[in-house]
């Protein structure tokens, strides 16, 4: 296992998958304010987060 940072406890949902189609796992997460964040794989870890939108806190599951 590899540590991918800290602060994940503020997220209601966290999931990993190859969202970009480059063959490496990226991470999506919904924080406690309802923002959806995308963390692209950078080749050596996770790149800078990108805020994709808000209003996701009402969802029970995000996959």
N, C-alpha and C. Protein backbone atom coordinates (compact mmCIF):
# COMPACT_ATOMS: atom_id res chain seq x y z
N UNK A 1 0.82 -1.20 0.00
CA UNK A 1 0.00 0.00 0.00
C UNK A 1 0.86 1.26 0.00
N UNK A 2 0.29 2.31 -0.56
CA UNK A 2 0.97 3.61 -0.64
C UNK A 2 0.06 4.66 -0.03
N UNK A 3 0.60 5.47 0.87
CA UNK A 3 -0.16 6.56 1.48
C UNK A 3 -0.40 7.64 0.44
N UNK A 4 -1.65 8.05 0.28
CA UNK A 4 -2.02 9.04 -0.73
C UNK A 4 -2.34 10.39 -0.13
N UNK A 5 -1.77 10.71 0.98
CA UNK A 5 -2.02 12.00 1.60
C UNK A 5 -2.81 11.86 2.87
N UNK A 6 -3.38 12.97 3.32
CA UNK A 6 -4.16 12.98 4.55
C UNK A 6 -5.34 13.93 4.36
N UNK A 7 -6.25 13.95 5.32
CA UNK A 7 -7.40 14.82 5.23
C UNK A 7 -8.63 14.17 4.62
N UNK A 8 -8.54 12.87 4.35
CA UNK A 8 -9.66 12.18 3.72
C UNK A 8 -10.86 12.02 4.66
N UNK A 9 -10.70 12.24 5.95
CA UNK A 9 -11.81 12.07 6.88
C UNK A 9 -12.91 13.10 6.68
N UNK A 10 -12.62 14.18 5.95
CA UNK A 10 -13.64 15.19 5.67
C UNK A 10 -14.53 14.80 4.48
N UNK A 11 -14.22 13.68 3.84
CA UNK A 11 -14.99 13.23 2.68
C UNK A 11 -16.07 12.25 3.09
N UNK A 12 -17.28 12.44 2.52
CA UNK A 12 -18.39 11.52 2.75
C UNK A 12 -18.26 10.30 1.85
N UNK A 13 -17.74 10.47 0.66
CA UNK A 13 -17.56 9.41 -0.33
C UNK A 13 -16.18 9.54 -0.94
N UNK A 14 -15.50 8.42 -1.13
CA UNK A 14 -14.22 8.38 -1.84
C UNK A 14 -14.22 7.10 -2.69
N UNK A 15 -13.87 7.23 -3.96
CA UNK A 15 -13.80 6.07 -4.82
C UNK A 15 -12.63 6.20 -5.79
N UNK A 16 -12.07 5.08 -6.17
CA UNK A 16 -10.95 5.07 -7.11
C UNK A 16 -11.32 4.23 -8.32
N UNK A 17 -10.96 4.73 -9.48
CA UNK A 17 -11.17 4.03 -10.74
C UNK A 17 -10.39 4.78 -11.81
N UNK A 18 -10.28 4.18 -12.97
CA UNK A 18 -9.60 4.85 -14.08
C UNK A 18 -10.61 5.73 -14.82
N UNK A 19 -10.93 6.88 -14.26
CA UNK A 19 -11.92 7.78 -14.84
C UNK A 19 -11.40 8.45 -16.12
N UNK A 20 -10.09 8.65 -16.24
CA UNK A 20 -9.52 9.35 -17.39
C UNK A 20 -9.22 8.43 -18.57
N UNK A 21 -9.20 7.11 -18.33
CA UNK A 21 -8.92 6.16 -19.41
C UNK A 21 -7.45 6.00 -19.74
N UNK A 22 -6.56 6.43 -18.84
CA UNK A 22 -5.12 6.31 -19.11
C UNK A 22 -4.51 5.04 -18.54
N UNK A 23 -5.31 4.17 -17.94
CA UNK A 23 -4.81 2.92 -17.40
C UNK A 23 -4.37 3.00 -15.95
N UNK A 24 -4.48 4.16 -15.31
CA UNK A 24 -4.09 4.33 -13.90
C UNK A 24 -5.28 4.85 -13.11
N UNK A 25 -5.37 4.43 -11.86
CA UNK A 25 -6.51 4.81 -11.02
C UNK A 25 -6.46 6.29 -10.64
N UNK A 26 -7.59 6.94 -10.78
CA UNK A 26 -7.81 8.30 -10.32
C UNK A 26 -8.73 8.22 -9.10
N UNK A 27 -8.94 9.32 -8.40
CA UNK A 27 -9.80 9.32 -7.22
C UNK A 27 -10.86 10.41 -7.36
N UNK A 28 -12.10 10.06 -7.02
CA UNK A 28 -13.19 11.03 -6.89
C UNK A 28 -13.61 11.04 -5.44
N UNK A 29 -13.97 12.18 -4.93
CA UNK A 29 -14.43 12.28 -3.56
C UNK A 29 -15.45 13.39 -3.38
N UNK A 30 -16.39 13.17 -2.48
CA UNK A 30 -17.38 14.18 -2.12
C UNK A 30 -17.05 14.62 -0.70
N UNK A 31 -16.74 15.91 -0.52
CA UNK A 31 -16.40 16.40 0.81
C UNK A 31 -17.66 16.69 1.63
N UNK A 32 -17.47 17.04 2.89
CA UNK A 32 -18.62 17.25 3.78
C UNK A 32 -19.43 18.50 3.44
N UNK A 33 -18.93 19.34 2.51
CA UNK A 33 -19.68 20.51 2.04
C UNK A 33 -20.47 20.20 0.78
N UNK A 34 -20.33 18.98 0.25
CA UNK A 34 -21.06 18.56 -0.94
C UNK A 34 -20.36 18.82 -2.25
N UNK A 35 -19.06 19.19 -2.20
CA UNK A 35 -18.31 19.40 -3.42
C UNK A 35 -17.74 18.08 -3.93
N UNK A 36 -17.81 17.87 -5.24
CA UNK A 36 -17.23 16.69 -5.89
C UNK A 36 -15.84 17.07 -6.39
N UNK A 37 -14.83 16.31 -5.94
CA UNK A 37 -13.44 16.58 -6.31
C UNK A 37 -12.88 15.42 -7.13
N UNK A 38 -12.08 15.75 -8.12
CA UNK A 38 -11.41 14.78 -8.97
C UNK A 38 -9.90 14.92 -8.76
N UNK A 39 -9.26 13.81 -8.42
CA UNK A 39 -7.81 13.77 -8.24
C UNK A 39 -7.24 12.87 -9.34
N UNK A 40 -6.71 13.45 -10.41
CA UNK A 40 -6.18 12.63 -11.51
C UNK A 40 -4.87 11.96 -11.11
N UNK A 41 -4.63 10.77 -11.66
CA UNK A 41 -3.34 10.10 -11.45
C UNK A 41 -2.29 10.88 -12.23
N UNK A 42 -1.16 11.14 -11.59
CA UNK A 42 -0.12 11.97 -12.22
C UNK A 42 1.04 11.15 -12.78
N UNK A 43 0.98 9.83 -12.63
CA UNK A 43 2.09 8.99 -13.05
C UNK A 43 2.91 8.51 -11.86
N UNK A 44 2.99 9.33 -10.82
CA UNK A 44 3.72 8.95 -9.60
C UNK A 44 2.84 9.05 -8.36
N UNK A 45 1.61 9.44 -8.52
CA UNK A 45 0.69 9.63 -7.39
C UNK A 45 -0.54 10.38 -7.89
N UNK A 46 -1.10 11.19 -7.04
CA UNK A 46 -2.27 11.96 -7.43
C UNK A 46 -1.89 13.39 -7.76
N UNK A 47 -2.49 13.93 -8.82
CA UNK A 47 -2.25 15.30 -9.22
C UNK A 47 -3.10 16.26 -8.40
N UNK A 48 -3.03 17.51 -8.75
CA UNK A 48 -3.80 18.55 -8.05
C UNK A 48 -5.30 18.30 -8.21
N UNK A 49 -6.06 18.50 -7.14
CA UNK A 49 -7.51 18.25 -7.23
C UNK A 49 -8.22 19.27 -8.11
N UNK A 50 -9.28 18.79 -8.75
CA UNK A 50 -10.12 19.64 -9.60
C UNK A 50 -11.54 19.59 -9.04
N UNK A 51 -12.11 20.75 -8.73
CA UNK A 51 -13.48 20.81 -8.22
C UNK A 51 -14.44 20.66 -9.41
N UNK A 52 -15.28 19.61 -9.38
CA UNK A 52 -16.18 19.34 -10.49
C UNK A 52 -17.58 19.91 -10.30
N UNK A 53 -17.97 20.20 -9.09
CA UNK A 53 -19.31 20.73 -8.87
C UNK A 53 -19.69 20.65 -7.41
N UNK A 54 -20.92 21.06 -7.13
CA UNK A 54 -21.40 21.03 -5.75
C UNK A 54 -22.83 20.48 -5.73
N UNK A 55 -23.35 20.25 -4.54
CA UNK A 55 -24.69 19.70 -4.40
C UNK A 55 -24.72 18.19 -4.25
N UNK A 56 -23.57 17.58 -4.09
CA UNK A 56 -23.47 16.12 -4.01
C UNK A 56 -23.74 15.57 -2.62
N UNK A 57 -23.91 16.43 -1.62
CA UNK A 57 -24.11 15.94 -0.24
C UNK A 57 -25.44 15.25 -0.04
N UNK A 58 -26.41 15.47 -0.94
CA UNK A 58 -27.71 14.84 -0.80
C UNK A 58 -27.72 13.39 -1.26
N UNK A 59 -26.67 12.95 -1.94
CA UNK A 59 -26.60 11.59 -2.43
C UNK A 59 -26.12 10.63 -1.35
N UNK A 60 -26.79 9.49 -1.20
CA UNK A 60 -26.36 8.49 -0.23
C UNK A 60 -25.16 7.71 -0.74
N UNK A 61 -25.08 7.51 -2.05
CA UNK A 61 -23.98 6.76 -2.66
C UNK A 61 -23.55 7.48 -3.93
N UNK A 62 -22.26 7.54 -4.16
CA UNK A 62 -21.70 8.08 -5.39
C UNK A 62 -20.71 7.06 -5.90
N UNK A 63 -20.93 6.56 -7.13
CA UNK A 63 -20.05 5.53 -7.69
C UNK A 63 -19.71 5.86 -9.13
